[in-house]
N, C-alpha and C. Protein backbone atom coordinates (compact mmCIF):
# COMPACT_ATOMS: atom_id res chain seq x y z
N MET A 1 -16.20 5.19 4.82
CA MET A 1 -15.69 5.85 3.64
C MET A 1 -14.46 5.08 3.14
N GLN A 2 -14.49 4.59 1.90
CA GLN A 2 -13.36 3.89 1.29
C GLN A 2 -12.39 4.94 0.76
N ALA A 3 -11.14 4.87 1.16
CA ALA A 3 -10.16 5.86 0.74
C ALA A 3 -8.76 5.28 0.92
N ARG A 4 -7.81 5.98 0.38
CA ARG A 4 -6.41 5.61 0.61
C ARG A 4 -5.96 6.34 1.86
N LEU A 5 -5.43 5.60 2.81
CA LEU A 5 -4.88 6.18 4.02
C LEU A 5 -3.38 5.98 3.96
N ARG A 6 -2.66 7.04 4.19
CA ARG A 6 -1.20 6.93 4.12
C ARG A 6 -0.55 7.59 5.34
N VAL A 7 0.66 7.17 5.61
CA VAL A 7 1.49 7.79 6.64
C VAL A 7 2.40 8.77 5.91
N ASP A 8 2.31 10.03 6.27
CA ASP A 8 3.18 11.05 5.66
C ASP A 8 4.28 11.42 6.64
N ILE A 9 5.41 11.78 6.09
CA ILE A 9 6.57 12.15 6.90
C ILE A 9 7.38 13.19 6.16
N ASP A 10 8.03 14.05 6.90
CA ASP A 10 8.94 15.04 6.32
C ASP A 10 10.35 14.65 6.72
N LEU A 11 11.05 13.97 5.83
CA LEU A 11 12.40 13.49 6.14
C LEU A 11 13.40 14.62 6.32
N SER A 12 13.11 15.79 5.75
CA SER A 12 14.05 16.91 5.87
C SER A 12 14.02 17.54 7.26
N ASP A 13 13.06 17.14 8.08
CA ASP A 13 12.87 17.76 9.39
C ASP A 13 13.25 16.85 10.55
N LEU A 14 13.95 15.75 10.28
CA LEU A 14 14.36 14.86 11.36
C LEU A 14 15.44 15.52 12.21
N LYS A 15 15.29 15.38 13.52
CA LYS A 15 16.28 15.93 14.46
C LYS A 15 16.52 14.91 15.56
N ARG A 16 17.68 15.02 16.16
CA ARG A 16 18.00 14.16 17.30
C ARG A 16 18.18 15.04 18.52
N THR A 17 17.44 14.74 19.57
CA THR A 17 17.51 15.54 20.79
C THR A 17 18.81 15.24 21.53
N HIS A 18 19.11 16.06 22.55
CA HIS A 18 20.30 15.82 23.36
C HIS A 18 20.23 14.48 24.07
N ALA A 19 19.00 14.02 24.36
CA ALA A 19 18.81 12.72 25.01
C ALA A 19 18.91 11.56 24.01
N GLY A 20 18.99 11.88 22.71
CA GLY A 20 19.16 10.86 21.69
C GLY A 20 17.90 10.45 20.96
N SER A 21 16.76 11.00 21.34
CA SER A 21 15.50 10.66 20.66
C SER A 21 15.45 11.32 19.29
N ILE A 22 14.89 10.60 18.34
CA ILE A 22 14.76 11.12 16.97
C ILE A 22 13.32 11.59 16.79
N ILE A 23 13.20 12.88 16.52
CA ILE A 23 11.87 13.46 16.33
C ILE A 23 11.75 14.02 14.92
N GLY A 24 10.52 14.16 14.49
CA GLY A 24 10.27 14.69 13.16
C GLY A 24 8.79 14.84 12.93
N ARG A 25 8.44 15.15 11.71
CA ARG A 25 7.05 15.39 11.32
C ARG A 25 6.46 14.09 10.75
N ILE A 26 5.36 13.63 11.36
CA ILE A 26 4.70 12.39 10.94
C ILE A 26 3.21 12.53 11.20
N TRP A 27 2.41 12.11 10.22
CA TRP A 27 0.96 12.21 10.36
C TRP A 27 0.29 11.26 9.38
N PHE A 28 -0.99 11.01 9.63
CA PHE A 28 -1.80 10.21 8.72
C PHE A 28 -2.58 11.15 7.83
N ALA A 29 -2.75 10.78 6.57
CA ALA A 29 -3.49 11.62 5.63
C ALA A 29 -4.39 10.76 4.76
N SER A 30 -5.54 11.33 4.46
CA SER A 30 -6.49 10.73 3.53
C SER A 30 -7.11 11.88 2.76
N GLY A 31 -6.75 11.98 1.48
CA GLY A 31 -7.20 13.14 0.72
C GLY A 31 -6.62 14.41 1.33
N ASP A 32 -7.47 15.39 1.62
CA ASP A 32 -7.02 16.64 2.22
C ASP A 32 -7.04 16.61 3.75
N ASP A 33 -7.49 15.50 4.34
CA ASP A 33 -7.61 15.39 5.78
C ASP A 33 -6.31 14.88 6.38
N ALA A 34 -5.98 15.36 7.59
CA ALA A 34 -4.75 14.96 8.27
C ALA A 34 -5.05 14.65 9.74
N PHE A 35 -4.27 13.71 10.30
CA PHE A 35 -4.43 13.33 11.70
C PHE A 35 -3.07 13.01 12.30
N PRO A 36 -2.75 13.45 13.53
CA PRO A 36 -3.51 14.38 14.35
C PRO A 36 -3.63 15.76 13.72
N GLU A 37 -2.64 16.12 12.93
CA GLU A 37 -2.69 17.32 12.08
C GLU A 37 -1.52 17.22 11.12
N ALA A 38 -1.59 17.97 10.03
CA ALA A 38 -0.50 17.95 9.05
C ALA A 38 0.79 18.40 9.74
N ARG A 39 1.86 17.66 9.46
CA ARG A 39 3.19 17.97 9.97
C ARG A 39 3.29 17.85 11.49
N TRP A 40 2.56 16.89 12.06
CA TRP A 40 2.59 16.62 13.50
C TRP A 40 4.01 16.25 13.91
N SER A 41 4.51 16.82 15.00
CA SER A 41 5.84 16.53 15.50
C SER A 41 5.77 15.45 16.58
N ASP A 42 6.59 14.41 16.41
CA ASP A 42 6.56 13.31 17.37
C ASP A 42 7.85 12.49 17.23
N PHE A 43 7.92 11.43 17.99
CA PHE A 43 9.08 10.54 18.03
C PHE A 43 8.94 9.52 16.89
N VAL A 44 9.39 9.87 15.72
CA VAL A 44 9.15 9.16 14.48
C VAL A 44 9.59 7.69 14.53
N VAL A 45 10.79 7.43 14.95
CA VAL A 45 11.34 6.07 14.93
C VAL A 45 10.57 5.19 15.91
N VAL A 46 10.31 5.70 17.10
CA VAL A 46 9.57 4.93 18.10
C VAL A 46 8.17 4.61 17.60
N LEU A 47 7.48 5.61 17.05
CA LEU A 47 6.11 5.40 16.57
C LEU A 47 6.06 4.33 15.48
N LEU A 48 6.94 4.43 14.51
CA LEU A 48 6.95 3.45 13.43
C LEU A 48 7.17 2.04 13.97
N GLY A 49 8.05 1.91 14.96
CA GLY A 49 8.27 0.61 15.58
C GLY A 49 7.02 0.10 16.28
N TRP A 50 6.34 0.98 17.02
CA TRP A 50 5.11 0.57 17.70
C TRP A 50 4.06 0.13 16.69
N TRP A 51 3.88 0.93 15.63
CA TRP A 51 2.84 0.65 14.64
C TRP A 51 3.11 -0.66 13.89
N ILE A 52 4.36 -0.88 13.51
CA ILE A 52 4.71 -2.14 12.84
C ILE A 52 4.49 -3.31 13.80
N GLY A 53 4.83 -3.12 15.07
CA GLY A 53 4.58 -4.16 16.07
C GLY A 53 3.10 -4.51 16.16
N GLU A 54 2.24 -3.50 16.12
CA GLU A 54 0.79 -3.74 16.15
C GLU A 54 0.34 -4.53 14.92
N LEU A 55 0.87 -4.18 13.76
CA LEU A 55 0.49 -4.90 12.54
C LEU A 55 1.01 -6.34 12.55
N LEU A 56 2.17 -6.56 13.14
CA LEU A 56 2.68 -7.92 13.28
C LEU A 56 1.73 -8.75 14.15
N ARG A 57 1.17 -8.14 15.18
CA ARG A 57 0.21 -8.85 16.04
C ARG A 57 -1.07 -9.17 15.27
N LEU A 58 -1.47 -8.30 14.34
CA LEU A 58 -2.63 -8.61 13.49
C LEU A 58 -2.36 -9.87 12.67
N ARG A 59 -1.14 -10.01 12.19
CA ARG A 59 -0.78 -11.19 11.40
C ARG A 59 -0.82 -12.46 12.23
N GLN A 60 -0.78 -12.32 13.54
CA GLN A 60 -0.84 -13.48 14.43
C GLN A 60 -2.28 -13.83 14.79
N GLY A 61 -3.23 -13.16 14.18
CA GLY A 61 -4.62 -13.52 14.39
C GLY A 61 -5.50 -12.49 15.08
N ARG A 62 -4.91 -11.46 15.62
CA ARG A 62 -5.75 -10.41 16.21
C ARG A 62 -6.51 -9.69 15.11
N THR A 63 -7.64 -9.09 15.45
CA THR A 63 -8.41 -8.33 14.47
C THR A 63 -8.50 -6.86 14.84
N GLN A 64 -7.97 -6.49 16.01
CA GLN A 64 -8.01 -5.10 16.47
C GLN A 64 -6.58 -4.65 16.80
N ALA A 65 -6.31 -3.40 16.52
CA ALA A 65 -5.01 -2.82 16.87
C ALA A 65 -5.22 -1.36 17.25
N GLU A 66 -4.24 -0.82 17.95
CA GLU A 66 -4.28 0.60 18.31
C GLU A 66 -2.93 1.21 17.92
N LEU A 67 -2.98 2.21 17.07
CA LEU A 67 -1.78 2.93 16.65
C LEU A 67 -1.76 4.24 17.43
N VAL A 68 -0.85 4.33 18.39
CA VAL A 68 -0.83 5.49 19.28
C VAL A 68 0.28 6.45 18.89
N PHE A 69 0.08 7.69 19.29
CA PHE A 69 1.11 8.72 19.18
C PHE A 69 1.69 8.94 20.57
N MET A 70 2.96 9.29 20.64
CA MET A 70 3.59 9.52 21.92
C MET A 70 3.22 10.89 22.46
N ASP A 71 3.23 11.90 21.60
CA ASP A 71 2.87 13.25 22.03
C ASP A 71 1.37 13.46 21.85
N GLY A 72 0.72 13.82 22.91
CA GLY A 72 -0.70 14.09 22.83
C GLY A 72 -1.55 12.87 23.05
N PRO A 73 -2.85 13.08 23.19
CA PRO A 73 -3.78 12.00 23.50
C PRO A 73 -4.39 11.37 22.25
N TYR A 74 -3.59 11.21 21.19
CA TYR A 74 -4.11 10.76 19.90
C TYR A 74 -3.80 9.29 19.65
N SER A 75 -4.77 8.62 19.02
CA SER A 75 -4.58 7.23 18.64
C SER A 75 -5.52 6.91 17.47
N ILE A 76 -5.24 5.78 16.87
CA ILE A 76 -6.08 5.30 15.77
C ILE A 76 -6.49 3.87 16.11
N GLY A 77 -7.79 3.65 16.12
CA GLY A 77 -8.29 2.30 16.30
C GLY A 77 -8.34 1.63 14.94
N LEU A 78 -7.78 0.44 14.84
CA LEU A 78 -7.74 -0.29 13.58
C LEU A 78 -8.55 -1.56 13.75
N ASP A 79 -9.52 -1.76 12.88
CA ASP A 79 -10.35 -2.96 12.90
C ASP A 79 -10.11 -3.72 11.59
N ALA A 80 -9.50 -4.91 11.73
CA ALA A 80 -9.19 -5.73 10.56
C ALA A 80 -10.10 -6.96 10.48
N ALA A 81 -11.24 -6.90 11.14
CA ALA A 81 -12.15 -8.05 11.20
C ALA A 81 -12.76 -8.39 9.84
N GLN A 82 -12.80 -7.43 8.92
CA GLN A 82 -13.41 -7.66 7.61
C GLN A 82 -12.42 -8.20 6.58
N GLY A 83 -11.27 -8.69 7.03
CA GLY A 83 -10.30 -9.28 6.11
C GLY A 83 -9.42 -8.25 5.45
N GLU A 84 -9.52 -8.13 4.14
CA GLU A 84 -8.62 -7.25 3.39
C GLU A 84 -8.91 -5.77 3.60
N GLN A 85 -10.14 -5.43 3.93
CA GLN A 85 -10.52 -4.03 4.15
C GLN A 85 -10.41 -3.70 5.63
N TRP A 86 -9.56 -2.75 5.95
CA TRP A 86 -9.34 -2.35 7.33
C TRP A 86 -10.03 -1.02 7.59
N ALA A 87 -10.65 -0.90 8.76
CA ALA A 87 -11.33 0.33 9.16
C ALA A 87 -10.48 1.05 10.21
N PHE A 88 -10.21 2.32 9.96
CA PHE A 88 -9.41 3.15 10.85
C PHE A 88 -10.29 4.23 11.46
N SER A 89 -10.28 4.34 12.79
CA SER A 89 -11.04 5.36 13.51
C SER A 89 -10.04 6.28 14.21
N PHE A 90 -10.22 7.56 14.10
CA PHE A 90 -9.27 8.56 14.58
C PHE A 90 -9.77 9.16 15.88
N LEU A 91 -8.93 9.06 16.93
CA LEU A 91 -9.40 9.37 18.28
C LEU A 91 -8.50 10.36 19.00
N ARG A 92 -9.14 11.16 19.83
CA ARG A 92 -8.45 12.03 20.79
C ARG A 92 -9.10 11.75 22.12
N ASN A 93 -8.31 11.27 23.06
CA ASN A 93 -8.87 10.85 24.36
C ASN A 93 -10.02 9.87 24.16
N GLU A 94 -9.84 8.95 23.23
CA GLU A 94 -10.80 7.88 22.93
C GLU A 94 -12.13 8.38 22.35
N ALA A 95 -12.20 9.63 21.94
CA ALA A 95 -13.39 10.17 21.28
C ALA A 95 -13.02 10.53 19.85
N ALA A 96 -13.98 10.42 18.93
CA ALA A 96 -13.73 10.73 17.52
C ALA A 96 -13.30 12.18 17.36
N VAL A 97 -12.45 12.43 16.38
CA VAL A 97 -11.99 13.79 16.09
C VAL A 97 -12.70 14.32 14.85
N ARG A 98 -12.69 15.63 14.71
CA ARG A 98 -13.36 16.25 13.56
C ARG A 98 -12.44 16.44 12.37
N SER A 99 -11.12 16.27 12.57
CA SER A 99 -10.18 16.53 11.48
C SER A 99 -10.17 15.43 10.43
N MET A 100 -10.82 14.30 10.72
CA MET A 100 -10.89 13.18 9.78
C MET A 100 -12.33 12.70 9.74
N PRO A 101 -12.70 12.04 8.64
CA PRO A 101 -14.02 11.39 8.63
C PRO A 101 -14.08 10.38 9.78
N GLY A 102 -15.26 10.04 10.27
CA GLY A 102 -15.39 9.12 11.40
C GLY A 102 -14.55 7.87 11.25
N THR A 103 -14.66 7.20 10.12
CA THR A 103 -13.89 5.99 9.86
C THR A 103 -13.44 6.01 8.40
N VAL A 104 -12.20 5.64 8.18
CA VAL A 104 -11.68 5.49 6.83
C VAL A 104 -11.39 4.00 6.63
N THR A 105 -11.92 3.45 5.55
CA THR A 105 -11.66 2.05 5.22
C THR A 105 -10.70 2.01 4.04
N THR A 106 -9.67 1.21 4.18
CA THR A 106 -8.66 1.10 3.13
C THR A 106 -8.18 -0.35 3.04
N HIS A 107 -7.54 -0.67 1.96
CA HIS A 107 -7.02 -2.03 1.76
C HIS A 107 -5.82 -2.24 2.68
N GLY A 108 -5.90 -3.26 3.52
CA GLY A 108 -4.85 -3.50 4.51
C GLY A 108 -3.47 -3.69 3.91
N ALA A 109 -3.37 -4.44 2.82
CA ALA A 109 -2.06 -4.69 2.21
C ALA A 109 -1.44 -3.40 1.71
N ASN A 110 -2.25 -2.49 1.17
CA ASN A 110 -1.72 -1.20 0.71
C ASN A 110 -1.18 -0.39 1.88
N PHE A 111 -1.91 -0.41 2.98
CA PHE A 111 -1.46 0.32 4.17
C PHE A 111 -0.15 -0.27 4.69
N GLU A 112 -0.07 -1.60 4.75
CA GLU A 112 1.16 -2.24 5.20
C GLU A 112 2.35 -1.86 4.33
N THR A 113 2.15 -1.87 3.01
CA THR A 113 3.22 -1.51 2.09
C THR A 113 3.65 -0.07 2.28
N ASP A 114 2.69 0.84 2.42
CA ASP A 114 3.01 2.26 2.63
C ASP A 114 3.78 2.46 3.93
N LEU A 115 3.34 1.79 5.00
CA LEU A 115 4.02 1.93 6.29
C LEU A 115 5.44 1.40 6.22
N ALA A 116 5.64 0.25 5.57
CA ALA A 116 6.98 -0.31 5.42
C ALA A 116 7.88 0.62 4.61
N THR A 117 7.32 1.23 3.57
CA THR A 117 8.10 2.17 2.74
C THR A 117 8.56 3.35 3.57
N VAL A 118 7.66 3.92 4.36
CA VAL A 118 8.01 5.06 5.22
C VAL A 118 9.08 4.64 6.22
N ALA A 119 8.95 3.47 6.83
CA ALA A 119 9.95 3.01 7.80
C ALA A 119 11.32 2.85 7.14
N ARG A 120 11.34 2.29 5.94
CA ARG A 120 12.64 2.16 5.21
C ARG A 120 13.24 3.54 4.93
N GLU A 121 12.40 4.49 4.54
CA GLU A 121 12.89 5.84 4.25
C GLU A 121 13.45 6.50 5.51
N VAL A 122 12.81 6.29 6.64
CA VAL A 122 13.29 6.86 7.90
C VAL A 122 14.61 6.22 8.30
N ILE A 123 14.72 4.91 8.17
CA ILE A 123 15.97 4.23 8.50
C ILE A 123 17.10 4.74 7.61
N ALA A 124 16.84 4.91 6.32
CA ALA A 124 17.86 5.43 5.40
C ALA A 124 18.25 6.85 5.76
N ALA A 125 17.27 7.68 6.13
CA ALA A 125 17.57 9.06 6.53
C ALA A 125 18.41 9.07 7.81
N CYS A 126 18.09 8.20 8.76
CA CYS A 126 18.88 8.11 9.99
C CYS A 126 20.31 7.69 9.68
N ASP A 127 20.46 6.77 8.73
CA ASP A 127 21.79 6.33 8.32
C ASP A 127 22.58 7.51 7.72
N ARG A 128 21.91 8.30 6.89
CA ARG A 128 22.59 9.47 6.30
C ARG A 128 23.04 10.47 7.37
N HIS A 129 22.28 10.56 8.47
CA HIS A 129 22.63 11.46 9.57
C HIS A 129 23.67 10.85 10.51
N GLY A 130 24.00 9.58 10.30
CA GLY A 130 24.95 8.90 11.18
C GLY A 130 24.29 8.36 12.45
N TRP A 131 22.98 8.14 12.41
CA TRP A 131 22.24 7.66 13.59
C TRP A 131 21.89 6.19 13.49
N SER A 132 22.45 5.46 12.55
CA SER A 132 22.04 4.06 12.35
C SER A 132 22.39 3.17 13.54
N GLY A 133 23.31 3.59 14.39
CA GLY A 133 23.67 2.83 15.58
C GLY A 133 22.73 3.08 16.76
N ASP A 134 21.78 3.98 16.60
CA ASP A 134 20.81 4.28 17.64
C ASP A 134 19.99 3.02 17.94
N LEU A 135 19.76 2.75 19.22
CA LEU A 135 19.04 1.53 19.60
C LEU A 135 17.64 1.47 19.01
N GLU A 136 16.93 2.59 18.99
CA GLU A 136 15.57 2.60 18.43
C GLU A 136 15.58 2.39 16.91
N VAL A 137 16.58 2.94 16.24
CA VAL A 137 16.71 2.73 14.79
C VAL A 137 17.00 1.25 14.52
N GLU A 138 17.90 0.66 15.30
CA GLU A 138 18.20 -0.76 15.14
C GLU A 138 16.97 -1.62 15.41
N LYS A 139 16.19 -1.27 16.43
CA LYS A 139 14.96 -2.00 16.75
C LYS A 139 13.96 -1.89 15.59
N LEU A 140 13.81 -0.69 15.05
CA LEU A 140 12.91 -0.50 13.92
C LEU A 140 13.36 -1.34 12.73
N ALA A 141 14.66 -1.38 12.47
CA ALA A 141 15.19 -2.17 11.35
C ALA A 141 14.88 -3.66 11.55
N ARG A 142 15.03 -4.16 12.78
CA ARG A 142 14.72 -5.58 13.06
C ARG A 142 13.22 -5.85 12.85
N LEU A 143 12.37 -4.96 13.35
CA LEU A 143 10.93 -5.13 13.16
C LEU A 143 10.57 -5.10 11.68
N LEU A 144 11.20 -4.21 10.95
CA LEU A 144 10.92 -4.10 9.51
C LEU A 144 11.36 -5.36 8.78
N ASP A 145 12.49 -5.94 9.18
CA ASP A 145 12.93 -7.21 8.58
C ASP A 145 11.89 -8.30 8.82
N GLU A 146 11.37 -8.34 10.03
CA GLU A 146 10.34 -9.34 10.37
C GLU A 146 9.05 -9.05 9.61
N PHE A 147 8.74 -7.79 9.45
CA PHE A 147 7.50 -7.36 8.81
C PHE A 147 7.49 -7.63 7.31
N GLY A 148 8.65 -7.40 6.68
CA GLY A 148 8.76 -7.61 5.23
C GLY A 148 8.05 -6.52 4.46
N THR A 149 7.24 -6.91 3.48
CA THR A 149 6.46 -6.00 2.62
C THR A 149 7.39 -5.04 1.89
N SER A 150 7.87 -5.51 0.75
CA SER A 150 8.81 -4.70 -0.03
C SER A 150 8.17 -3.69 -0.90
């Protein structure tokens, strides 16, 4: 199924735990479908760093990537073997989920741009909260600099 796949986030819901982790609402959406579910709570900064890292590895010649969530057994298999069109498969414990179509195909460059935009928004929100000195926020900022995509 050809569709627009986006990373959604609720910047108004970012929180920092006593241990210093930044959590918030983050999920993938395509049309009315959401994965793992709408407003999924997870470690936003860490996830964005992992996902950008996976996309950087694609740029080095890999054709497969895995975008994992920290909370729960959820992941997304990404197949970039077809060039500009990337296929995303939504998994729970490595089995397809019912909350999304089996596979969503979207333009890879659009997905990269959307992901970079979300990462920039999260970094800016962390800065507004006074969390820009957080090691994970700094790591995400470095990865985003390397990643580019304005």
